[in-house]
Amino acid sequence: MQLDYLLELPNDLKAIERSVDYLVDRAREAGFEDDRLRLNFRVGLTEALANAMLYGNCHDPRKRVRIEASLSRDELAVQVTDEGCGFNPASILDPTLPANRQLPCGRGLFLIRNLMDRVEFNERGNSIRMVLLRQPAVPGERASGP
């Protein structure tokens, strides 16, 4: 059985918590592990939404952010799409390297890539797809796109 959800958010940071709570509740009802929902999913989705609103949509209150979520027996997949012109995810520097630690960017994407089991971007760079598996991936087998 697969459950699908579609949410359209105003470009307002205040809308993040309620939408994340809603999807966490749906995944919990579907039997996903609470610890992975509270940390991995909540933080990953919150970061993706904040990035979409702040960087993708450039704080523009006229723009919206779309969340498409799909819950299946084995995984929770969420796609976050903004109305911005996109970016090249490969251009984001590793914030854990000493030379990059003081830079104001890259931490959210770093968290997403390390908390979710799979991360992919569309070609334009304005949409991120994140997957959280019901059973955690075996260390070293985490698959992330560019």
N, C-alpha and C. Protein backbone atom coordinates (compact mmCIF):
# COMPACT_ATOMS: atom_id res chain seq x y z
N MET A 1 0.84 -1.18 0.00
CA MET A 1 0.00 0.00 0.00
C MET A 1 0.88 1.24 0.00
N GLN A 2 0.52 2.23 -0.79
CA GLN A 2 1.28 3.47 -0.85
C GLN A 2 0.33 4.63 -0.58
N LEU A 3 0.78 5.54 0.27
CA LEU A 3 0.01 6.74 0.58
C LEU A 3 0.76 7.94 0.02
N ASP A 4 0.07 8.83 -0.66
CA ASP A 4 0.69 10.00 -1.25
C ASP A 4 0.09 11.27 -0.66
N TYR A 5 0.97 12.27 -0.49
CA TYR A 5 0.57 13.55 0.08
C TYR A 5 1.17 14.66 -0.76
N LEU A 6 0.41 15.73 -0.91
CA LEU A 6 0.88 16.91 -1.63
C LEU A 6 0.56 18.13 -0.78
N LEU A 7 1.59 18.91 -0.50
CA LEU A 7 1.41 20.14 0.29
C LEU A 7 2.02 21.31 -0.48
N GLU A 8 1.30 22.41 -0.54
CA GLU A 8 1.80 23.64 -1.13
C GLU A 8 1.95 24.65 -0.01
N LEU A 9 3.16 25.12 0.21
CA LEU A 9 3.41 26.03 1.32
C LEU A 9 3.68 27.45 0.83
N PRO A 10 3.22 28.43 1.60
CA PRO A 10 3.65 29.79 1.29
C PRO A 10 5.14 29.88 1.59
N ASN A 11 5.82 30.82 1.01
CA ASN A 11 7.25 30.99 1.24
C ASN A 11 7.45 31.71 2.57
N ASP A 12 7.11 31.01 3.65
CA ASP A 12 7.15 31.58 5.00
C ASP A 12 7.70 30.52 5.94
N LEU A 13 8.80 30.84 6.61
CA LEU A 13 9.44 29.88 7.51
C LEU A 13 8.49 29.36 8.58
N LYS A 14 7.48 30.13 8.93
CA LYS A 14 6.52 29.70 9.95
C LYS A 14 5.69 28.50 9.49
N ALA A 15 5.64 28.26 8.20
CA ALA A 15 4.85 27.14 7.67
C ALA A 15 5.59 25.81 7.77
N ILE A 16 6.88 25.85 8.06
CA ILE A 16 7.69 24.62 8.04
C ILE A 16 7.28 23.65 9.14
N GLU A 17 7.24 24.12 10.36
CA GLU A 17 7.02 23.21 11.49
C GLU A 17 5.71 22.42 11.36
N ARG A 18 4.66 23.10 11.00
CA ARG A 18 3.36 22.43 10.90
C ARG A 18 3.35 21.36 9.80
N SER A 19 3.96 21.67 8.66
CA SER A 19 3.98 20.68 7.58
C SER A 19 4.88 19.50 7.91
N VAL A 20 6.01 19.75 8.57
CA VAL A 20 6.90 18.66 8.98
C VAL A 20 6.18 17.79 10.01
N ASP A 21 5.53 18.42 10.99
CA ASP A 21 4.78 17.65 12.00
C ASP A 21 3.72 16.77 11.34
N TYR A 22 3.02 17.31 10.36
CA TYR A 22 1.98 16.56 9.68
C TYR A 22 2.55 15.30 9.02
N LEU A 23 3.67 15.45 8.31
CA LEU A 23 4.25 14.30 7.62
C LEU A 23 4.88 13.31 8.59
N VAL A 24 5.47 13.80 9.67
CA VAL A 24 6.01 12.90 10.70
C VAL A 24 4.87 12.07 11.29
N ASP A 25 3.75 12.71 11.57
CA ASP A 25 2.59 11.98 12.12
C ASP A 25 2.09 10.92 11.15
N ARG A 26 2.03 11.24 9.85
CA ARG A 26 1.58 10.26 8.86
C ARG A 26 2.54 9.06 8.81
N ALA A 27 3.84 9.34 8.86
CA ALA A 27 4.83 8.26 8.81
C ALA A 27 4.80 7.42 10.08
N ARG A 28 4.59 8.06 11.20
CA ARG A 28 4.47 7.34 12.48
C ARG A 28 3.27 6.40 12.43
N GLU A 29 2.15 6.90 11.92
CA GLU A 29 0.95 6.07 11.78
C GLU A 29 1.19 4.87 10.87
N ALA A 30 2.09 5.04 9.89
CA ALA A 30 2.40 3.96 8.96
C ALA A 30 3.45 3.00 9.53
N GLY A 31 3.91 3.26 10.76
CA GLY A 31 4.81 2.33 11.43
C GLY A 31 6.29 2.60 11.30
N PHE A 32 6.66 3.80 10.85
CA PHE A 32 8.08 4.12 10.77
C PHE A 32 8.63 4.36 12.18
N GLU A 33 9.91 4.03 12.36
CA GLU A 33 10.57 4.14 13.65
C GLU A 33 10.61 5.60 14.12
N ASP A 34 10.14 5.80 15.34
CA ASP A 34 10.02 7.16 15.86
C ASP A 34 11.36 7.90 15.95
N ASP A 35 12.43 7.23 16.33
CA ASP A 35 13.73 7.90 16.45
C ASP A 35 14.20 8.43 15.10
N ARG A 36 14.04 7.64 14.06
CA ARG A 36 14.47 8.09 12.72
C ARG A 36 13.58 9.22 12.21
N LEU A 37 12.32 9.19 12.59
CA LEU A 37 11.42 10.28 12.19
C LEU A 37 11.77 11.57 12.91
N ARG A 38 12.00 11.46 14.22
CA ARG A 38 12.27 12.66 15.03
C ARG A 38 13.59 13.32 14.67
N LEU A 39 14.59 12.53 14.32
CA LEU A 39 15.88 13.12 13.98
C LEU A 39 16.08 13.19 12.47
N ASN A 40 16.27 12.05 11.83
CA ASN A 40 16.64 12.03 10.42
C ASN A 40 15.63 12.76 9.54
N PHE A 41 14.38 12.34 9.62
CA PHE A 41 13.37 12.91 8.74
C PHE A 41 13.05 14.36 9.09
N ARG A 42 12.81 14.63 10.37
CA ARG A 42 12.44 16.00 10.78
C ARG A 42 13.53 16.99 10.41
N VAL A 43 14.77 16.69 10.74
CA VAL A 43 15.86 17.62 10.44
C VAL A 43 16.08 17.73 8.93
N GLY A 44 16.09 16.59 8.23
CA GLY A 44 16.31 16.63 6.78
C GLY A 44 15.26 17.44 6.05
N LEU A 45 13.99 17.20 6.36
CA LEU A 45 12.92 17.93 5.69
C LEU A 45 12.91 19.40 6.09
N THR A 46 13.14 19.69 7.35
CA THR A 46 13.19 21.09 7.80
C THR A 46 14.29 21.85 7.07
N GLU A 47 15.46 21.26 6.95
CA GLU A 47 16.57 21.91 6.25
C GLU A 47 16.24 22.12 4.77
N ALA A 48 15.65 21.11 4.13
CA ALA A 48 15.31 21.24 2.71
C ALA A 48 14.28 22.35 2.49
N LEU A 49 13.29 22.44 3.37
CA LEU A 49 12.27 23.48 3.24
C LEU A 49 12.86 24.87 3.49
N ALA A 50 13.69 24.99 4.51
CA ALA A 50 14.32 26.29 4.80
C ALA A 50 15.20 26.71 3.63
N ASN A 51 15.98 25.78 3.07
CA ASN A 51 16.82 26.11 1.91
C ASN A 51 15.97 26.56 0.73
N ALA A 52 14.86 25.87 0.49
CA ALA A 52 13.97 26.24 -0.63
C ALA A 52 13.42 27.65 -0.45
N MET A 53 13.01 27.97 0.77
CA MET A 53 12.41 29.28 1.03
C MET A 53 13.45 30.41 1.03
N LEU A 54 14.58 30.17 1.70
CA LEU A 54 15.58 31.22 1.86
C LEU A 54 16.45 31.41 0.62
N TYR A 55 16.93 30.31 0.05
CA TYR A 55 17.88 30.39 -1.06
C TYR A 55 17.19 30.20 -2.41
N GLY A 56 16.36 29.17 -2.53
CA GLY A 56 15.70 28.91 -3.80
C GLY A 56 14.74 30.03 -4.18
N ASN A 57 13.83 30.35 -3.27
CA ASN A 57 12.83 31.39 -3.53
C ASN A 57 13.28 32.77 -3.07
N CYS A 58 14.49 32.88 -2.57
CA CYS A 58 15.09 34.18 -2.19
C CYS A 58 14.18 35.01 -1.29
N HIS A 59 13.55 34.38 -0.30
CA HIS A 59 12.68 35.08 0.66
C HIS A 59 11.44 35.71 0.02
N ASP A 60 11.16 35.45 -1.25
CA ASP A 60 10.07 36.11 -1.97
C ASP A 60 8.71 35.57 -1.49
N PRO A 61 7.91 36.40 -0.81
CA PRO A 61 6.63 35.93 -0.28
C PRO A 61 5.60 35.58 -1.36
N ARG A 62 5.86 35.96 -2.61
CA ARG A 62 4.93 35.63 -3.70
C ARG A 62 5.13 34.20 -4.21
N LYS A 63 6.27 33.61 -3.85
CA LYS A 63 6.58 32.26 -4.33
C LYS A 63 6.11 31.21 -3.33
N ARG A 64 6.06 29.96 -3.81
CA ARG A 64 5.59 28.85 -2.98
C ARG A 64 6.59 27.70 -3.03
N VAL A 65 6.43 26.81 -2.09
CA VAL A 65 7.25 25.59 -2.03
C VAL A 65 6.29 24.41 -2.04
N ARG A 66 6.61 23.43 -2.86
CA ARG A 66 5.76 22.25 -3.02
C ARG A 66 6.44 21.04 -2.37
N ILE A 67 5.67 20.29 -1.59
CA ILE A 67 6.15 19.05 -0.98
C ILE A 67 5.30 17.91 -1.55
N GLU A 68 5.97 16.94 -2.12
CA GLU A 68 5.32 15.71 -2.57
C GLU A 68 5.90 14.58 -1.75
N ALA A 69 5.06 13.90 -1.00
CA ALA A 69 5.53 12.82 -0.13
C ALA A 69 4.83 11.52 -0.49
N SER A 70 5.58 10.46 -0.40
CA SER A 70 5.05 9.14 -0.71
C SER A 70 5.51 8.17 0.38
N LEU A 71 4.56 7.50 0.98
CA LEU A 71 4.84 6.52 2.03
C LEU A 71 4.52 5.13 1.50
N SER A 72 5.49 4.25 1.51
CA SER A 72 5.25 2.87 1.13
C SER A 72 5.66 1.97 2.29
N ARG A 73 5.54 0.70 2.09
CA ARG A 73 5.90 -0.25 3.14
C ARG A 73 7.37 -0.13 3.51
N ASP A 74 8.22 0.20 2.53
CA ASP A 74 9.67 0.19 2.74
C ASP A 74 10.33 1.55 2.88
N GLU A 75 9.65 2.60 2.42
CA GLU A 75 10.33 3.89 2.44
C GLU A 75 9.37 5.07 2.51
N LEU A 76 9.95 6.18 2.94
CA LEU A 76 9.27 7.47 2.97
C LEU A 76 10.08 8.37 2.03
N ALA A 77 9.47 8.78 0.93
CA ALA A 77 10.15 9.62 -0.06
C ALA A 77 9.48 10.99 -0.07
N VAL A 78 10.29 12.03 -0.06
CA VAL A 78 9.77 13.39 -0.06
C VAL A 78 10.54 14.21 -1.08
N GLN A 79 9.79 14.95 -1.89
CA GLN A 79 10.41 15.85 -2.85
C GLN A 79 9.99 17.27 -2.50
N VAL A 80 10.97 18.16 -2.40
CA VAL A 80 10.73 19.57 -2.10
C VAL A 80 11.17 20.37 -3.32
N THR A 81 10.24 21.17 -3.85
CA THR A 81 10.52 21.94 -5.05
C THR A 81 10.19 23.41 -4.81
N ASP A 82 11.14 24.27 -5.16
CA ASP A 82 10.90 25.71 -5.04
C ASP A 82 10.73 26.31 -6.43
N GLU A 83 10.43 27.60 -6.49
CA GLU A 83 10.21 28.29 -7.75
C GLU A 83 11.44 29.06 -8.21
N GLY A 84 12.58 28.80 -7.58
CA GLY A 84 13.81 29.49 -7.94
C GLY A 84 14.45 28.93 -9.18
N CYS A 85 15.59 29.52 -9.55
CA CYS A 85 16.28 29.09 -10.77
C CYS A 85 17.20 27.90 -10.54
N GLY A 86 17.36 27.46 -9.30
CA GLY A 86 18.13 26.27 -9.01
C GLY A 86 19.60 26.55 -8.75
N PHE A 87 20.33 25.48 -8.44
CA PHE A 87 21.76 25.58 -8.17
C PHE A 87 22.41 24.25 -8.50
N ASN A 88 23.73 24.25 -8.51
CA ASN A 88 24.48 23.02 -8.75
C ASN A 88 24.91 22.47 -7.40
N PRO A 89 24.30 21.38 -6.93
CA PRO A 89 24.63 20.85 -5.61
C PRO A 89 26.10 20.45 -5.47
N ALA A 90 26.74 20.12 -6.57
CA ALA A 90 28.16 19.75 -6.51
C ALA A 90 29.05 20.95 -6.20
N SER A 91 28.51 22.15 -6.36
CA SER A 91 29.31 23.36 -6.10
C SER A 91 29.34 23.74 -4.62
N ILE A 92 28.55 23.07 -3.80
CA ILE A 92 28.51 23.39 -2.37
C ILE A 92 29.69 22.72 -1.69
N LEU A 93 30.50 23.52 -1.03
CA LEU A 93 31.71 23.02 -0.38
C LEU A 93 31.40 22.25 0.89
N ASP A 94 32.25 21.31 1.22
CA ASP A 94 32.11 20.49 2.42
C ASP A 94 32.34 21.37 3.66
N PRO A 95 31.30 21.59 4.47
CA PRO A 95 31.45 22.49 5.62
C PRO A 95 32.28 21.89 6.77
N THR A 96 32.67 20.63 6.67
CA THR A 96 33.48 20.03 7.73
C THR A 96 34.97 20.24 7.50
N LEU A 97 35.35 20.67 6.31
CA LEU A 97 36.77 20.93 6.04
C LEU A 97 37.19 22.23 6.73
N PRO A 98 38.37 22.25 7.32
CA PRO A 98 38.82 23.45 8.06
C PRO A 98 38.69 24.75 7.26
N ALA A 99 39.03 24.73 6.00
CA ALA A 99 38.97 25.95 5.18
C ALA A 99 37.55 26.45 4.97
N ASN A 100 36.54 25.59 5.16
CA ASN A 100 35.15 25.96 4.89
C ASN A 100 34.31 26.17 6.14
N ARG A 101 34.86 25.96 7.30
CA ARG A 101 34.07 25.99 8.53
C ARG A 101 33.45 27.35 8.83
N GLN A 102 34.05 28.41 8.37
CA GLN A 102 33.52 29.74 8.64
C GLN A 102 32.56 30.23 7.55
N LEU A 103 32.43 29.47 6.48
CA LEU A 103 31.53 29.87 5.40
C LEU A 103 30.08 29.73 5.86
N PRO A 104 29.20 30.62 5.40
CA PRO A 104 27.81 30.60 5.86
C PRO A 104 26.90 29.62 5.13
N CYS A 105 27.46 28.72 4.33
CA CYS A 105 26.59 27.83 3.57
C CYS A 105 27.10 26.39 3.60
N GLY A 106 26.21 25.48 3.26
CA GLY A 106 26.60 24.09 3.12
C GLY A 106 26.22 23.18 4.26
N ARG A 107 25.94 23.74 5.43
CA ARG A 107 25.65 22.89 6.59
C ARG A 107 24.33 22.13 6.46
N GLY A 108 23.30 22.81 5.96
CA GLY A 108 22.01 22.16 5.81
C GLY A 108 22.06 21.00 4.84
N LEU A 109 22.71 21.21 3.71
CA LEU A 109 22.84 20.15 2.72
C LEU A 109 23.69 19.00 3.27
N PHE A 110 24.72 19.33 4.03
CA PHE A 110 25.54 18.30 4.68
C PHE A 110 24.67 17.44 5.61
N LEU A 111 23.84 18.09 6.41
CA LEU A 111 22.95 17.35 7.31
C LEU A 111 21.99 16.46 6.53
N ILE A 112 21.38 17.01 5.51
CA ILE A 112 20.43 16.23 4.70
C ILE A 112 21.11 14.98 4.14
N ARG A 113 22.28 15.17 3.56
CA ARG A 113 22.99 14.04 2.93
C ARG A 113 23.38 12.97 3.95
N ASN A 114 23.61 13.38 5.19
CA ASN A 114 24.04 12.42 6.20
C ASN A 114 22.90 11.83 7.01
N LEU A 115 21.75 12.45 6.99
CA LEU A 115 20.61 11.94 7.75
C LEU A 115 19.64 11.10 6.92
N MET A 116 19.55 11.38 5.65
CA MET A 116 18.63 10.65 4.78
C MET A 116 19.38 9.50 4.09
N ASP A 117 18.64 8.48 3.70
CA ASP A 117 19.27 7.31 3.08
C ASP A 117 19.61 7.53 1.61
N ARG A 118 18.81 8.35 0.92
CA ARG A 118 19.10 8.70 -0.47
C ARG A 118 18.73 10.16 -0.68
N VAL A 119 19.56 10.85 -1.46
CA VAL A 119 19.30 12.25 -1.79
C VAL A 119 19.62 12.46 -3.26
N GLU A 120 18.67 13.06 -3.98
CA GLU A 120 18.85 13.33 -5.41
C GLU A 120 18.32 14.73 -5.71
N PHE A 121 18.88 15.34 -6.74
CA PHE A 121 18.43 16.66 -7.19
C PHE A 121 17.98 16.56 -8.65
N ASN A 122 17.04 17.42 -9.02
CA ASN A 122 16.69 17.47 -10.45
C ASN A 122 17.79 18.22 -11.19
N GLU A 123 17.74 18.16 -12.51
CA GLU A 123 18.79 18.77 -13.32
C GLU A 123 18.87 20.28 -13.11
N ARG A 124 17.74 20.92 -12.96
CA ARG A 124 17.71 22.37 -12.77
C ARG A 124 18.28 22.78 -11.41
N GLY A 125 18.14 21.90 -10.42
CA GLY A 125 18.67 22.21 -9.10
C GLY A 125 17.69 22.93 -8.20
N ASN A 126 16.41 22.89 -8.53
CA ASN A 126 15.40 23.55 -7.68
C ASN A 126 14.49 22.54 -6.99
N SER A 127 14.88 21.27 -7.05
CA SER A 127 14.08 20.23 -6.43
C SER A 127 14.99 19.15 -5.85
N ILE A 128 14.73 18.78 -4.61
CA ILE A 128 15.50 17.74 -3.93
C ILE A 128 14.55 16.61 -3.57
N ARG A 129 14.99 15.39 -3.81
CA ARG A 129 14.23 14.19 -3.44
C ARG A 129 15.02 13.46 -2.37
N MET A 130 14.38 13.22 -1.24
CA MET A 130 15.02 12.57 -0.11
C MET A 130 14.24 11.31 0.24
N VAL A 131 14.96 10.25 0.54
CA VAL A 131 14.34 8.98 0.89
C VAL A 131 14.86 8.52 2.24
N LEU A 132 13.92 8.15 3.11
CA LEU A 132 14.24 7.54 4.39
C LEU A 132 13.69 6.12 4.34
N LEU A 133 14.57 5.15 4.46
CA LEU A 133 14.16 3.75 4.43
C LEU A 133 13.59 3.34 5.78
N ARG A 134 12.63 2.44 5.75
CA ARG A 134 12.05 1.93 7.00
C ARG A 134 13.15 1.27 7.83
N GLN A 135 13.97 0.46 7.16
CA GLN A 135 15.12 -0.15 7.81
C GLN A 135 16.34 0.67 7.42
N PRO A 136 17.09 1.17 8.40
CA PRO A 136 18.24 2.01 8.08
C PRO A 136 19.21 1.32 7.13
N ALA A 137 19.81 2.11 6.27
CA ALA A 137 20.81 1.58 5.35
C ALA A 137 22.01 1.08 6.15
N VAL A 138 22.67 0.08 5.62
CA VAL A 138 23.88 -0.43 6.25
C VAL A 138 24.96 0.63 6.06
N PRO A 139 25.74 0.96 7.12
CA PRO A 139 26.81 1.97 6.97
C PRO A 139 27.69 1.66 5.76
N GLY A 140 27.99 2.70 5.01
CA GLY A 140 28.80 2.54 3.82
C GLY A 140 27.98 2.28 2.56
N GLU A 141 26.69 2.02 2.72
CA GLU A 141 25.82 1.77 1.57
C GLU A 141 24.87 2.92 1.30
N ARG A 142 25.00 4.02 2.01
CA ARG A 142 24.14 5.18 1.81
C ARG A 142 24.37 5.71 0.40
N ALA A 143 23.30 5.92 -0.31
CA ALA A 143 23.39 6.40 -1.69
C ALA A 143 22.94 7.85 -1.75
N SER A 144 23.81 8.72 -2.24
CA SER A 144 23.47 10.13 -2.41
C SER A 144 23.84 10.57 -3.80
N GLY A 145 22.99 11.37 -4.38
CA GLY A 145 23.26 11.93 -5.69
C GLY A 145 24.21 13.11 -5.55
N PRO A 146 24.47 13.81 -6.63
CA PRO A 146 25.41 14.95 -6.61
C PRO A 146 24.99 16.04 -5.66
